[in-house]
Amino acid sequence: IESAAEPFYHYPTTHNARRRGAAAADQEQRLRF
């Protein structure tokens, strides 16, 4: 771990998925505007 030889896996969370979805929706809304 300390040598960074072991890759870190970032587990998807519901919170992160919602944030990504909300960000995409916001971007679409700005583009439509």
PDB file of all heavy atoms in Angstrom:
ATOM      1  N   ILE A   1       0.838  -1.206   0.000  1.00  0.00           N
ATOM      2  CA  ILE A   1       0.000   0.000   0.000  1.00  0.00           C
ATOM      3  C   ILE A   1       0.869   1.250   0.000  1.00  0.00           C
ATOM      4  O   ILE A   1       0.649   2.176  -0.780  1.00  0.00           O
ATOM      5  CB  ILE A   1      -0.961  -0.007   1.203  1.00  0.00           C
ATOM      6  CG1 ILE A   1      -2.010  -1.098   1.011  1.00  0.00           C
ATOM      7  CG2 ILE A   1      -1.621   1.359   1.381  1.00  0.00           C
ATOM      8  CD1 ILE A   1      -2.808  -1.412   2.252  1.00  0.00           C
ATOM      9  N   GLU A   2       1.872   1.283   0.869  1.00  0.00           N
ATOM     10  CA  GLU A   2       2.732   2.459   0.962  1.00  0.00           C
ATOM     11  C   GLU A   2       3.560   2.672  -0.299  1.00  0.00           C
ATOM     12  O   GLU A   2       3.893   3.802  -0.636  1.00  0.00           O
ATOM     13  CB  GLU A   2       3.643   2.353   2.182  1.00  0.00           C
ATOM     14  CG  GLU A   2       2.876   2.548   3.471  1.00  0.00           C
ATOM     15  CD  GLU A   2       3.736   2.388   4.713  1.00  0.00           C
ATOM     16  OE1 GLU A   2       4.875   1.882   4.596  1.00  0.00           O
ATOM     17  OE2 GLU A   2       3.263   2.770   5.791  1.00  0.00           O
ATOM     18  N   SER A   3       3.893   1.607  -1.012  1.00  0.00           N
ATOM     19  CA  SER A   3       4.682   1.747  -2.227  1.00  0.00           C
ATOM     20  C   SER A   3       3.798   2.088  -3.430  1.00  0.00           C
ATOM     21  O   SER A   3       4.307   2.321  -4.516  1.00  0.00           O
ATOM     22  CB  SER A   3       5.450   0.463  -2.513  1.00  0.00           C
ATOM     23  OG  SER A   3       4.567  -0.568  -2.924  1.00  0.00           O
ATOM     24  N   ALA A   4       2.501   2.098  -3.227  1.00  0.00           N
ATOM     25  CA  ALA A   4       1.514   2.343  -4.278  1.00  0.00           C
ATOM     26  C   ALA A   4       1.601   1.290  -5.370  1.00  0.00           C
ATOM     27  O   ALA A   4       1.155   1.504  -6.482  1.00  0.00           O
ATOM     28  CB  ALA A   4       1.654   3.751  -4.853  1.00  0.00           C
ATOM     29  N   ALA A   5       2.185   0.148  -5.065  1.00  0.00           N
ATOM     30  CA  ALA A   5       2.245  -0.950  -6.027  1.00  0.00           C
ATOM     31  C   ALA A   5       0.898  -1.636  -6.127  1.00  0.00           C
ATOM     32  O   ALA A   5       0.609  -2.301  -7.109  1.00  0.00           O
ATOM     33  CB  ALA A   5       3.310  -1.962  -5.609  1.00  0.00           C
ATOM     34  N   GLU A   6       0.086  -1.477  -5.118  1.00  0.00           N
ATOM     35  CA  GLU A   6      -1.225  -2.096  -5.093  1.00  0.00           C
ATOM     36  C   GLU A   6      -2.235  -1.044  -5.540  1.00  0.00           C
ATOM     37  O   GLU A   6      -2.379   0.000  -4.913  1.00  0.00           O
ATOM     38  CB  GLU A   6      -1.542  -2.567  -3.676  1.00  0.00           C
ATOM     39  CG  GLU A   6      -2.755  -3.417  -3.563  1.00  0.00           C
ATOM     40  CD  GLU A   6      -2.577  -4.783  -4.198  1.00  0.00           C
ATOM     41  OE1 GLU A   6      -1.448  -5.199  -4.471  1.00  0.00           O
ATOM     42  OE2 GLU A   6      -3.603  -5.437  -4.427  1.00  0.00           O
ATOM     43  N   PRO A   7      -2.938  -1.281  -6.647  1.00  0.00           N
ATOM     44  CA  PRO A   7      -3.905  -0.277  -7.109  1.00  0.00           C
ATOM     45  C   PRO A   7      -5.073  -0.159  -6.132  1.00  0.00           C
ATOM     46  O   PRO A   7      -5.478  -1.141  -5.517  1.00  0.00           O
ATOM     47  CB  PRO A   7      -4.379  -0.824  -8.456  1.00  0.00           C
ATOM     48  CG  PRO A   7      -4.111  -2.286  -8.392  1.00  0.00           C
ATOM     49  CD  PRO A   7      -2.916  -2.465  -7.484  1.00  0.00           C
ATOM     50  N   PHE A   8      -5.581   1.030  -5.995  1.00  0.00           N
ATOM     51  CA  PHE A   8      -6.717   1.262  -5.125  1.00  0.00           C
ATOM     52  C   PHE A   8      -7.989   1.203  -5.953  1.00  0.00           C
ATOM     53  O   PHE A   8      -8.053   1.732  -7.057  1.00  0.00           O
ATOM     54  CB  PHE A   8      -6.626   2.631  -4.445  1.00  0.00           C
ATOM     55  CG  PHE A   8      -5.535   2.693  -3.430  1.00  0.00           C
ATOM     56  CD1 PHE A   8      -4.297   3.217  -3.749  1.00  0.00           C
ATOM     57  CD2 PHE A   8      -5.734   2.201  -2.159  1.00  0.00           C
ATOM     58  CE1 PHE A   8      -3.291   3.271  -2.810  1.00  0.00           C
ATOM     59  CE2 PHE A   8      -4.733   2.245  -1.207  1.00  0.00           C
ATOM     60  CZ  PHE A   8      -3.511   2.780  -1.544  1.00  0.00           C
ATOM     61  N   TYR A   9      -8.979   0.545  -5.422  1.00  0.00           N
ATOM     62  CA  TYR A   9     -10.261   0.464  -6.094  1.00  0.00           C
ATOM     63  C   TYR A   9     -11.203   1.412  -5.384  1.00  0.00           C
ATOM     64  O   TYR A   9     -11.366   1.344  -4.177  1.00  0.00           O
ATOM     65  CB  TYR A   9     -10.818  -0.963  -6.052  1.00  0.00           C
ATOM     66  CG  TYR A   9     -12.166  -1.074  -6.728  1.00  0.00           C
ATOM     67  CD1 TYR A   9     -12.238  -1.088  -8.117  1.00  0.00           C
ATOM     68  CD2 TYR A   9     -13.330  -1.132  -6.004  1.00  0.00           C
ATOM     69  CE1 TYR A   9     -13.453  -1.173  -8.756  1.00  0.00           C
ATOM     70  CE2 TYR A   9     -14.554  -1.217  -6.641  1.00  0.00           C
ATOM     71  CZ  TYR A   9     -14.607  -1.240  -8.009  1.00  0.00           C
ATOM     72  OH  TYR A   9     -15.816  -1.315  -8.644  1.00  0.00           O
ATOM     73  N   HIS A  10     -11.801   2.307  -6.140  1.00  0.00           N
ATOM     74  CA  HIS A  10     -12.768   3.237  -5.564  1.00  0.00           C
ATOM     75  C   HIS A  10     -14.154   2.631  -5.740  1.00  0.00           C
ATOM     76  O   HIS A  10     -14.648   2.531  -6.860  1.00  0.00           O
ATOM     77  CB  HIS A  10     -12.673   4.599  -6.239  1.00  0.00           C
ATOM     78  CG  HIS A  10     -11.353   5.245  -6.027  1.00  0.00           C
ATOM     79  ND1 HIS A  10     -11.004   5.834  -4.837  1.00  0.00           N
ATOM     80  CD2 HIS A  10     -10.263   5.345  -6.820  1.00  0.00           C
ATOM     81  CE1 HIS A  10      -9.776   6.287  -4.914  1.00  0.00           C
ATOM     82  NE2 HIS A  10      -9.298   6.000  -6.105  1.00  0.00           N
ATOM     83  N   TYR A  11     -14.722   2.196  -4.642  1.00  0.00           N
ATOM     84  CA  TYR A  11     -16.020   1.544  -4.684  1.00  0.00           C
ATOM     85  C   TYR A  11     -17.099   2.565  -5.022  1.00  0.00           C
ATOM     86  O   TYR A  11     -17.155   3.635  -4.418  1.00  0.00           O
ATOM     87  CB  TYR A  11     -16.342   0.903  -3.334  1.00  0.00           C
ATOM     88  CG  TYR A  11     -15.430  -0.250  -3.022  1.00  0.00           C
ATOM     89  CD1 TYR A  11     -14.275  -0.078  -2.271  1.00  0.00           C
ATOM     90  CD2 TYR A  11     -15.715  -1.513  -3.518  1.00  0.00           C
ATOM     91  CE1 TYR A  11     -13.429  -1.134  -2.008  1.00  0.00           C
ATOM     92  CE2 TYR A  11     -14.878  -2.578  -3.255  1.00  0.00           C
ATOM     93  CZ  TYR A  11     -13.743  -2.380  -2.498  1.00  0.00           C
ATOM     94  OH  TYR A  11     -12.911  -3.433  -2.239  1.00  0.00           O
ATOM     95  N   PRO A  12     -17.930   2.236  -5.995  1.00  0.00           N
ATOM     96  CA  PRO A  12     -19.026   3.156  -6.307  1.00  0.00           C
ATOM     97  C   PRO A  12     -20.027   3.178  -5.153  1.00  0.00           C
ATOM     98  O   PRO A  12     -20.283   2.149  -4.540  1.00  0.00           O
ATOM     99  CB  PRO A  12     -19.650   2.558  -7.573  1.00  0.00           C
ATOM    100  CG  PRO A  12     -19.227   1.134  -7.586  1.00  0.00           C
ATOM    101  CD  PRO A  12     -17.931   1.056  -6.822  1.00  0.00           C
ATOM    102  N   THR A  13     -20.505   4.330  -4.856  1.00  0.00           N
ATOM    103  CA  THR A  13     -21.515   4.450  -3.813  1.00  0.00           C
ATOM    104  C   THR A  13     -22.757   5.073  -4.402  1.00  0.00           C
ATOM    105  O   THR A  13     -22.703   5.737  -5.441  1.00  0.00           O
ATOM    106  CB  THR A  13     -21.020   5.341  -2.648  1.00  0.00           C
ATOM    107  OG1 THR A  13     -20.818   6.659  -3.161  1.00  0.00           O
ATOM    108  CG2 THR A  13     -19.750   4.807  -2.033  1.00  0.00           C
ATOM    109  N   THR A  14     -23.849   4.879  -3.743  1.00  0.00           N
ATOM    110  CA  THR A  14     -25.098   5.471  -4.203  1.00  0.00           C
ATOM    111  C   THR A  14     -24.983   6.980  -4.213  1.00  0.00           C
ATOM    112  O   THR A  14     -25.428   7.640  -5.143  1.00  0.00           O
ATOM    113  CB  THR A  14     -26.253   5.033  -3.274  1.00  0.00           C
ATOM    114  OG1 THR A  14     -26.265   3.616  -3.214  1.00  0.00           O
ATOM    115  CG2 THR A  14     -27.584   5.535  -3.781  1.00  0.00           C
ATOM    116  N   HIS A  15     -24.327   7.525  -3.199  1.00  0.00           N
ATOM    117  CA  HIS A  15     -24.153   8.979  -3.096  1.00  0.00           C
ATOM    118  C   HIS A  15     -23.382   9.500  -4.306  1.00  0.00           C
ATOM    119  O   HIS A  15     -23.781  10.470  -4.936  1.00  0.00           O
ATOM    120  CB  HIS A  15     -23.436   9.339  -1.804  1.00  0.00           C
ATOM    121  CG  HIS A  15     -23.102  10.782  -1.690  1.00  0.00           C
ATOM    122  ND1 HIS A  15     -24.058  11.741  -1.480  1.00  0.00           N
ATOM    123  CD2 HIS A  15     -21.914  11.441  -1.766  1.00  0.00           C
ATOM    124  CE1 HIS A  15     -23.483  12.927  -1.428  1.00  0.00           C
ATOM    125  NE2 HIS A  15     -22.187  12.766  -1.606  1.00  0.00           N
ATOM    126  N   ASN A  16     -22.264   8.855  -4.651  1.00  0.00           N
ATOM    127  CA  ASN A  16     -21.460   9.297  -5.788  1.00  0.00           C
ATOM    128  C   ASN A  16     -22.231   9.159  -7.092  1.00  0.00           C
ATOM    129  O   ASN A  16     -22.126  10.011  -7.971  1.00  0.00           O
ATOM    130  CB  ASN A  16     -20.150   8.503  -5.874  1.00  0.00           C
ATOM    131  CG  ASN A  16     -19.188   8.883  -4.781  1.00  0.00           C
ATOM    132  OD1 ASN A  16     -19.306   9.936  -4.177  1.00  0.00           O
ATOM    133  ND2 ASN A  16     -18.236   8.015  -4.508  1.00  0.00           N
ATOM    134  N   ALA A  17     -22.995   8.078  -7.242  1.00  0.00           N
ATOM    135  CA  ALA A  17     -23.782   7.878  -8.458  1.00  0.00           C
ATOM    136  C   ALA A  17     -24.833   8.969  -8.594  1.00  0.00           C
ATOM    137  O   ALA A  17     -25.054   9.495  -9.680  1.00  0.00           O
ATOM    138  CB  ALA A  17     -24.436   6.498  -8.437  1.00  0.00           C
ATOM    139  N   ARG A  18     -25.459   9.333  -7.486  1.00  0.00           N
ATOM    140  CA  ARG A  18     -26.457  10.408  -7.519  1.00  0.00           C
ATOM    141  C   ARG A  18     -25.799  11.724  -7.892  1.00  0.00           C
ATOM    142  O   ARG A  18     -26.344  12.498  -8.667  1.00  0.00           O
ATOM    143  CB  ARG A  18     -27.155  10.536  -6.169  1.00  0.00           C
ATOM    144  CG  ARG A  18     -28.311   9.594  -5.989  1.00  0.00           C
ATOM    145  CD  ARG A  18     -29.128  10.007  -4.792  1.00  0.00           C
ATOM    146  NE  ARG A  18     -28.321   9.930  -3.593  1.00  0.00           N
ATOM    147  CZ  ARG A  18     -28.538   9.086  -2.599  1.00  0.00           C
ATOM    148  NH1 ARG A  18     -29.536   8.261  -2.644  1.00  0.00           N
ATOM    149  NH2 ARG A  18     -27.754   9.066  -1.561  1.00  0.00           N
ATOM    150  N   ARG A  19     -24.602  11.984  -7.333  1.00  0.00           N
ATOM    151  CA  ARG A  19     -23.901  13.232  -7.654  1.00  0.00           C
ATOM    152  C   ARG A  19     -23.555  13.280  -9.131  1.00  0.00           C
ATOM    153  O   ARG A  19     -23.723  14.308  -9.776  1.00  0.00           O
ATOM    154  CB  ARG A  19     -22.629  13.364  -6.814  1.00  0.00           C
ATOM    155  CG  ARG A  19     -22.912  13.797  -5.395  1.00  0.00           C
ATOM    156  CD  ARG A  19     -21.691  14.001  -4.554  1.00  0.00           C
ATOM    157  NE  ARG A  19     -20.584  14.590  -5.262  1.00  0.00           N
ATOM    158  CZ  ARG A  19     -19.307  14.366  -4.966  1.00  0.00           C
ATOM    159  NH1 ARG A  19     -18.997  13.576  -3.976  1.00  0.00           N
ATOM    160  NH2 ARG A  19     -18.347  14.931  -5.640  1.00  0.00           N
ATOM    161  N   ARG A  20     -23.059  12.162  -9.683  1.00  0.00           N
ATOM    162  CA  ARG A  20     -22.725  12.133 -11.110  1.00  0.00           C
ATOM    163  C   ARG A  20     -23.983  12.338 -11.944  1.00  0.00           C
ATOM    164  O   ARG A  20     -23.972  13.072 -12.919  1.00  0.00           O
ATOM    165  CB  ARG A  20     -22.045  10.818 -11.475  1.00  0.00           C
ATOM    166  CG  ARG A  20     -20.575  10.773 -11.090  1.00  0.00           C
ATOM    167  CD  ARG A  20     -19.877   9.601 -11.733  1.00  0.00           C
ATOM    168  NE  ARG A  20     -20.488   8.315 -11.410  1.00  0.00           N
ATOM    169  CZ  ARG A  20     -20.216   7.600 -10.316  1.00  0.00           C
ATOM    170  NH1 ARG A  20     -19.331   8.027  -9.448  1.00  0.00           N
ATOM    171  NH2 ARG A  20     -20.799   6.452 -10.110  1.00  0.00           N
ATOM    172  N   GLY A  21     -25.075  11.700 -11.537  1.00  0.00           N
ATOM    173  CA  GLY A  21     -26.330  11.854 -12.267  1.00  0.00           C
ATOM    174  C   GLY A  21     -26.854  13.277 -12.195  1.00  0.00           C
ATOM    175  O   GLY A  21     -27.315  13.831 -13.186  1.00  0.00           O
ATOM    176  N   ALA A  22     -26.769  13.883 -11.013  1.00  0.00           N
ATOM    177  CA  ALA A  22     -27.237  15.252 -10.848  1.00  0.00           C
ATOM    178  C   ALA A  22     -26.369  16.210 -11.657  1.00  0.00           C
ATOM    179  O   ALA A  22     -26.876  17.144 -12.281  1.00  0.00           O
ATOM    180  CB  ALA A  22     -27.217  15.636  -9.371  1.00  0.00           C
ATOM    181  N   ALA A  23     -25.073  15.986 -11.672  1.00  0.00           N
ATOM    182  CA  ALA A  23     -24.162  16.852 -12.423  1.00  0.00           C
ATOM    183  C   ALA A  23     -24.464  16.758 -13.909  1.00  0.00           C
ATOM    184  O   ALA A  23     -24.481  17.770 -14.620  1.00  0.00           O
ATOM    185  CB  ALA A  23     -22.713  16.471 -12.145  1.00  0.00           C
ATOM    186  N   ALA A  24     -24.727  15.551 -14.400  1.00  0.00           N
ATOM    187  CA  ALA A  24     -25.050  15.378 -15.816  1.00  0.00           C
ATOM    188  C   ALA A  24     -26.372  16.062 -16.146  1.00  0.00           C
ATOM    189  O   ALA A  24     -26.505  16.715 -17.188  1.00  0.00           O
ATOM    190  CB  ALA A  24     -25.112  13.895 -16.161  1.00  0.00           C
ATOM    191  N   ALA A  25     -27.352  15.936 -15.256  1.00  0.00           N
ATOM    192  CA  ALA A  25     -28.646  16.577 -15.475  1.00  0.00           C
ATOM    193  C   ALA A  25     -28.495  18.094 -15.474  1.00  0.00           C
ATOM    194  O   ALA A  25     -29.086  18.783 -16.308  1.00  0.00           O
ATOM    195  CB  ALA A  25     -29.647  16.131 -14.415  1.00  0.00           C
ATOM    196  N   ASP A  26     -27.679  18.627 -14.561  1.00  0.00           N
ATOM    197  CA  ASP A  26     -27.442  20.069 -14.514  1.00  0.00           C
ATOM    198  C   ASP A  26     -26.791  20.553 -15.802  1.00  0.00           C
ATOM    199  O   ASP A  26     -27.150  21.601 -16.348  1.00  0.00           O
ATOM    200  CB  ASP A  26     -26.556  20.440 -13.328  1.00  0.00           C
ATOM    201  CG  ASP A  26     -27.274  20.334 -12.001  1.00  0.00           C
ATOM    202  OD1 ASP A  26     -28.522  20.258 -11.998  1.00  0.00           O
ATOM    203  OD2 ASP A  26     -26.574  20.327 -10.964  1.00  0.00           O
ATOM    204  N   GLN A  27     -25.824  19.789 -16.288  1.00  0.00           N
ATOM    205  CA  GLN A  27     -25.128  20.171 -17.509  1.00  0.00           C
ATOM    206  C   GLN A  27     -26.095  20.157 -18.699  1.00  0.00           C
ATOM    207  O   GLN A  27     -26.078  21.075 -19.521  1.00  0.00           O
ATOM    208  CB  GLN A  27     -23.957  19.243 -17.775  1.00  0.00           C
ATOM    209  CG  GLN A  27     -23.119  19.674 -18.956  1.00  0.00           C
ATOM    210  CD  GLN A  27     -21.889  18.814 -19.128  1.00  0.00           C
ATOM    211  OE1 GLN A  27     -21.745  17.802 -18.464  1.00  0.00           O
ATOM    212  NE2 GLN A  27     -21.027  19.211 -20.031  1.00  0.00           N
ATOM    213  N   GLU A  28     -26.948  19.151 -18.780  1.00  0.00           N
ATOM    214  CA  GLU A  28     -27.933  19.094 -19.861  1.00  0.00           C
ATOM    215  C   GLU A  28     -28.868  20.292 -19.800  1.00  0.00           C
ATOM    216  O   GLU A  28     -29.194  20.890 -20.818  1.00  0.00           O
ATOM    217  CB  GLU A  28     -28.747  17.804 -19.774  1.00  0.00           C
ATOM    218  CG  GLU A  28     -28.027  16.584 -20.277  1.00  0.00           C
ATOM    219  CD  GLU A  28     -28.902  15.339 -20.194  1.00  0.00           C
ATOM    220  OE1 GLU A  28     -30.141  15.459 -20.325  1.00  0.00           O
ATOM    221  OE2 GLU A  28     -28.330  14.264 -19.993  1.00  0.00           O
ATOM    222  N   GLN A  29     -29.290  20.641 -18.597  1.00  0.00           N
ATOM    223  CA  GLN A  29     -30.198  21.769 -18.438  1.00  0.00           C
ATOM    224  C   GLN A  29     -29.521  23.064 -18.882  1.00  0.00           C
ATOM    225  O   GLN A  29     -30.124  23.884 -19.564  1.00  0.00           O
ATOM    226  CB  GLN A  29     -30.659  21.878 -16.985  1.00  0.00           C
ATOM    227  CG  GLN A  29     -31.732  22.918 -16.767  1.00  0.00           C
ATOM    228  CD  GLN A  29     -32.245  22.907 -15.348  1.00  0.00           C
ATOM    229  OE1 GLN A  29     -31.711  22.228 -14.491  1.00  0.00           O
ATOM    230  NE2 GLN A  29     -33.294  23.662 -15.103  1.00  0.00           N
ATOM    231  N   ARG A  30     -28.236  23.236 -18.526  1.00  0.00           N
ATOM    232  CA  ARG A  30     -27.508  24.449 -18.944  1.00  0.00           C
ATOM    233  C   ARG A  30     -27.385  24.501 -20.467  1.00  0.00           C
ATOM    234  O   ARG A  30     -27.528  25.545 -21.083  1.00  0.00           O
ATOM    235  CB  ARG A  30     -26.129  24.485 -18.297  1.00  0.00           C
ATOM    236  CG  ARG A  30     -26.148  24.936 -16.847  1.00  0.00           C
ATOM    237  CD  ARG A  30     -24.756  25.246 -16.341  1.00  0.00           C
ATOM    238  NE  ARG A  30     -23.881  24.081 -16.327  1.00  0.00           N
ATOM    239  CZ  ARG A  30     -23.771  23.215 -15.326  1.00  0.00           C
ATOM    240  NH1 ARG A  30     -24.487  23.386 -14.230  1.00  0.00           N
ATOM    241  NH2 ARG A  30     -22.956  22.183 -15.395  1.00  0.00           N
ATOM    242  N   LEU A  31     -27.123  23.342 -21.093  1.00  0.00           N
ATOM    243  CA  LEU A  31     -26.990  23.303 -22.542  1.00  0.00           C
ATOM    244  C   LEU A  31     -28.313  23.639 -23.235  1.00  0.00           C
ATOM    245  O   LEU A  31     -28.340  24.371 -24.218  1.00  0.00           O
ATOM    246  CB  LEU A  31     -26.485  21.935 -23.009  1.00  0.00           C
ATOM    247  CG  LEU A  31     -25.032  21.610 -22.680  1.00  0.00           C
ATOM    248  CD1 LEU A  31     -24.720  20.174 -23.051  1.00  0.00           C
ATOM    249  CD2 LEU A  31     -24.101  22.577 -23.406  1.00  0.00           C
ATOM    250  N   ARG A  32     -29.421  23.107 -22.684  1.00  0.00           N
ATOM    251  CA  ARG A  32     -30.733  23.434 -23.254  1.00  0.00           C
ATOM    252  C   ARG A  32     -31.014  24.919 -23.122  1.00  0.00           C
ATOM    253  O   ARG A  32     -31.526  25.554 -24.024  1.00  0.00           O
ATOM    254  CB  ARG A  32     -31.832  22.629 -22.552  1.00  0.00           C
ATOM    255  CG  ARG A  32     -31.975  21.210 -23.054  1.00  0.00           C
ATOM    256  CD  ARG A  32     -33.277  20.603 -22.571  1.00  0.00           C
ATOM    257  NE  ARG A  32     -33.332  20.566 -21.111  1.00  0.00           N
ATOM    258  CZ  ARG A  32     -33.054  19.494 -20.378  1.00  0.00           C
ATOM    259  NH1 ARG A  32     -32.725  18.372 -20.952  1.00  0.00           N
ATOM    260  NH2 ARG A  32     -33.115  19.550 -19.076  1.00  0.00           N
ATOM    261  N   PHE A  33     -30.649  25.492 -21.975  1.00  0.00           N
ATOM    262  CA  PHE A  33     -30.851  26.910 -21.743  1.00  0.00           C
ATOM    263  C   PHE A  33     -30.046  27.734 -22.738  1.00  0.00           C
ATOM    264  O   PHE A  33     -30.560  28.693 -23.328  1.00  0.00           O
ATOM    265  CB  PHE A  33     -30.449  27.278 -20.301  1.00  0.00           C
ATOM    266  CG  PHE A  33     -30.563  28.730 -19.987  1.00  0.00           C
ATOM    267  CD1 PHE A  33     -31.804  29.286 -19.726  1.00  0.00           C
ATOM    268  CD2 PHE A  33     -29.443  29.549 -19.967  1.00  0.00           C
ATOM    269  CE1 PHE A  33     -31.926  30.634 -19.435  1.00  0.00           C
ATOM    270  CE2 PHE A  33     -29.564  30.900 -19.685  1.00  0.00           C
ATOM    271  CZ  PHE A  33     -30.807  31.438 -19.415  1.00  0.00           C
TER     272      PHE A  33
END
